Amino acid sequence: MKHCLIASFYASLTSALALIIIALPDYSGASILFGLFAFPVAFICSVALSYPLIYIRSKLSLKKWQSGSLFAITGLVLGGITPILILGSVSVDVNSIVFIMQYSFIGFVASSTAWYYVQHNVAI
């Protein structure tokens, strides 16, 4: 459980910083507030997903690239779904697609950070 919490902390910290960096040109100082509000949400989502992903990685004895792909795809998909779940619905236009792709990228970066921690600190 310790590794799940530490990996989740790293992932949520990375996602909050990525959100701040992405939102900084458009929202300047308010982007820091976005990152502060996003940190606990990302931490809760990461905690909920870290144990199943670590369990799957250990039980299936996945290779390095397979476990990395599992974490990356999970981050991409759930990162893209998160704004849709929070906002309720998203219209289909260029701005909303870019918005969802930004969140997918943030999910990818967060899950890659968690995978890096798990890969180097959790024994199979």
Protein backbone atom coordinates (compact mmCIF):
# COMPACT_ATOMS: atom_id res chain seq x y z
CA MET A 1 0.00 0.00 0.00
CA LYS A 2 2.94 2.31 0.66
CA HIS A 3 4.04 2.06 -2.96
CA CYS A 4 0.51 2.78 -4.19
CA LEU A 5 0.38 5.99 -2.17
CA ILE A 6 3.86 7.15 -3.20
CA ALA A 7 3.25 6.40 -6.89
CA SER A 8 -0.09 8.21 -6.65
CA PHE A 9 1.55 11.21 -5.00
CA TYR A 10 4.16 11.46 -7.77
CA ALA A 11 1.53 11.05 -10.47
CA SER A 12 -0.80 13.66 -9.00
CA LEU A 13 2.05 16.12 -8.41
CA THR A 14 3.18 15.71 -12.00
CA SER A 15 -0.34 16.13 -13.35
CA ALA A 16 -0.95 19.26 -11.26
CA LEU A 17 2.31 20.81 -12.47
CA ALA A 18 1.51 19.87 -16.08
CA LEU A 19 -1.93 21.48 -15.74
CA ILE A 20 -0.35 24.65 -14.34
CA ILE A 21 2.14 24.81 -17.21
CA ILE A 22 -0.51 24.18 -19.86
CA ALA A 23 -2.97 26.71 -18.40
CA LEU A 24 -0.37 29.39 -17.62
CA PRO A 25 -0.46 31.24 -20.99
CA ASP A 26 -4.25 31.55 -20.99
CA TYR A 27 -5.06 32.03 -17.30
CA SER A 28 -1.78 33.34 -15.77
CA GLY A 29 -2.10 33.30 -11.95
CA ALA A 30 -5.38 31.38 -11.93
CA SER A 31 -3.55 28.37 -13.37
CA ILE A 32 -1.94 27.86 -9.96
CA LEU A 33 -5.41 27.57 -8.45
CA PHE A 34 -6.37 25.06 -11.16
CA GLY A 35 -3.33 22.99 -10.22
CA LEU A 36 -4.14 23.18 -6.51
CA PHE A 37 -7.71 22.04 -7.13
CA ALA A 38 -6.58 19.33 -9.55
CA PHE A 39 -4.04 17.80 -7.16
CA PRO A 40 -6.51 16.11 -4.76
CA VAL A 41 -8.70 14.91 -7.64
CA ALA A 42 -5.69 13.43 -9.39
CA PHE A 43 -4.46 11.88 -6.15
CA ILE A 44 -7.78 10.14 -5.48
CA CYS A 45 -7.97 8.85 -9.06
CA SER A 46 -4.37 7.67 -8.88
CA VAL A 47 -4.90 5.84 -5.60
CA ALA A 48 -7.96 4.13 -7.03
CA LEU A 49 -6.00 2.98 -10.10
CA SER A 50 -2.53 2.32 -8.73
CA TYR A 51 -3.27 -0.86 -6.82
CA PRO A 52 -5.09 -2.62 -9.71
CA LEU A 53 -2.36 -1.61 -12.17
CA ILE A 54 0.43 -2.80 -9.87
CA TYR A 55 -1.51 -6.01 -9.21
CA ILE A 56 -2.01 -6.69 -12.93
CA ARG A 57 1.66 -5.95 -13.57
CA SER A 58 2.81 -8.39 -10.92
CA LYS A 59 0.32 -11.21 -11.54
CA LEU A 60 0.71 -11.30 -15.30
CA SER A 61 4.50 -10.85 -15.14
CA LEU A 62 4.37 -8.23 -17.86
CA LYS A 63 7.50 -7.18 -19.67
CA LYS A 64 8.78 -3.64 -19.26
CA TRP A 65 7.22 -2.33 -22.48
CA GLN A 66 3.92 -4.10 -21.78
CA SER A 67 3.54 -2.64 -18.31
CA GLY A 68 4.58 0.79 -19.64
CA SER A 69 1.97 0.51 -22.37
CA LEU A 70 -0.68 -0.53 -19.84
CA PHE A 71 0.04 2.50 -17.65
CA ALA A 72 0.29 4.88 -20.65
CA ILE A 73 -2.95 3.76 -22.30
CA THR A 74 -4.78 3.92 -18.98
CA GLY A 75 -3.50 7.47 -18.44
CA LEU A 76 -4.40 8.58 -21.97
CA VAL A 77 -7.92 7.18 -21.84
CA LEU A 78 -8.80 8.25 -18.32
CA GLY A 79 -7.17 11.64 -18.80
CA GLY A 80 -9.43 12.24 -21.79
CA ILE A 81 -12.54 10.96 -20.04
CA THR A 82 -12.02 13.05 -16.88
CA PRO A 83 -13.12 16.44 -18.29
CA ILE A 84 -16.14 14.82 -19.91
CA LEU A 85 -17.17 13.30 -16.57
CA ILE A 86 -16.56 16.52 -14.66
CA LEU A 87 -18.27 18.85 -17.15
CA GLY A 88 -21.08 16.47 -18.08
CA SER A 89 -20.90 16.94 -21.82
CA VAL A 90 -18.54 18.46 -24.33
CA SER A 91 -19.47 19.87 -27.71
CA VAL A 92 -17.63 18.55 -30.73
CA ASP A 93 -15.49 21.35 -32.10
CA VAL A 94 -11.81 22.12 -32.43
CA ASN A 95 -11.49 23.79 -29.02
CA SER A 96 -13.08 20.90 -27.11
CA ILE A 97 -10.94 18.33 -28.94
CA VAL A 98 -7.80 20.28 -28.04
CA PHE A 99 -9.06 20.54 -24.45
CA ILE A 100 -9.61 16.78 -24.21
CA MET A 101 -6.24 16.09 -25.84
CA GLN A 102 -4.55 18.30 -23.23
CA TYR A 103 -6.12 16.27 -20.44
CA SER A 104 -5.15 13.06 -22.21
CA PHE A 105 -1.57 14.31 -22.34
CA ILE A 106 -1.69 15.17 -18.63
CA GLY A 107 -3.01 11.67 -17.87
CA PHE A 108 -0.23 10.17 -19.99
CA VAL A 109 2.45 12.16 -18.17
CA ALA A 110 1.00 11.28 -14.76
CA SER A 111 0.72 7.57 -15.53
CA SER A 112 4.23 7.52 -16.99
CA THR A 113 5.52 9.04 -13.77
CA ALA A 114 3.71 6.39 -11.73
CA TRP A 115 5.02 3.64 -14.03
CA TYR A 116 8.57 4.92 -13.64
CA TYR A 117 8.25 4.79 -9.85
CA VAL A 118 6.67 1.32 -9.92
CA GLN A 119 9.24 0.01 -12.39
CA HIS A 120 12.17 1.07 -10.21
CA ASN A 121 10.81 0.55 -6.70
CA VAL A 122 8.29 -2.29 -6.71
CA ALA A 123 9.61 -5.82 -6.97
CA ILE A 124 7.55 -8.35 -8.91
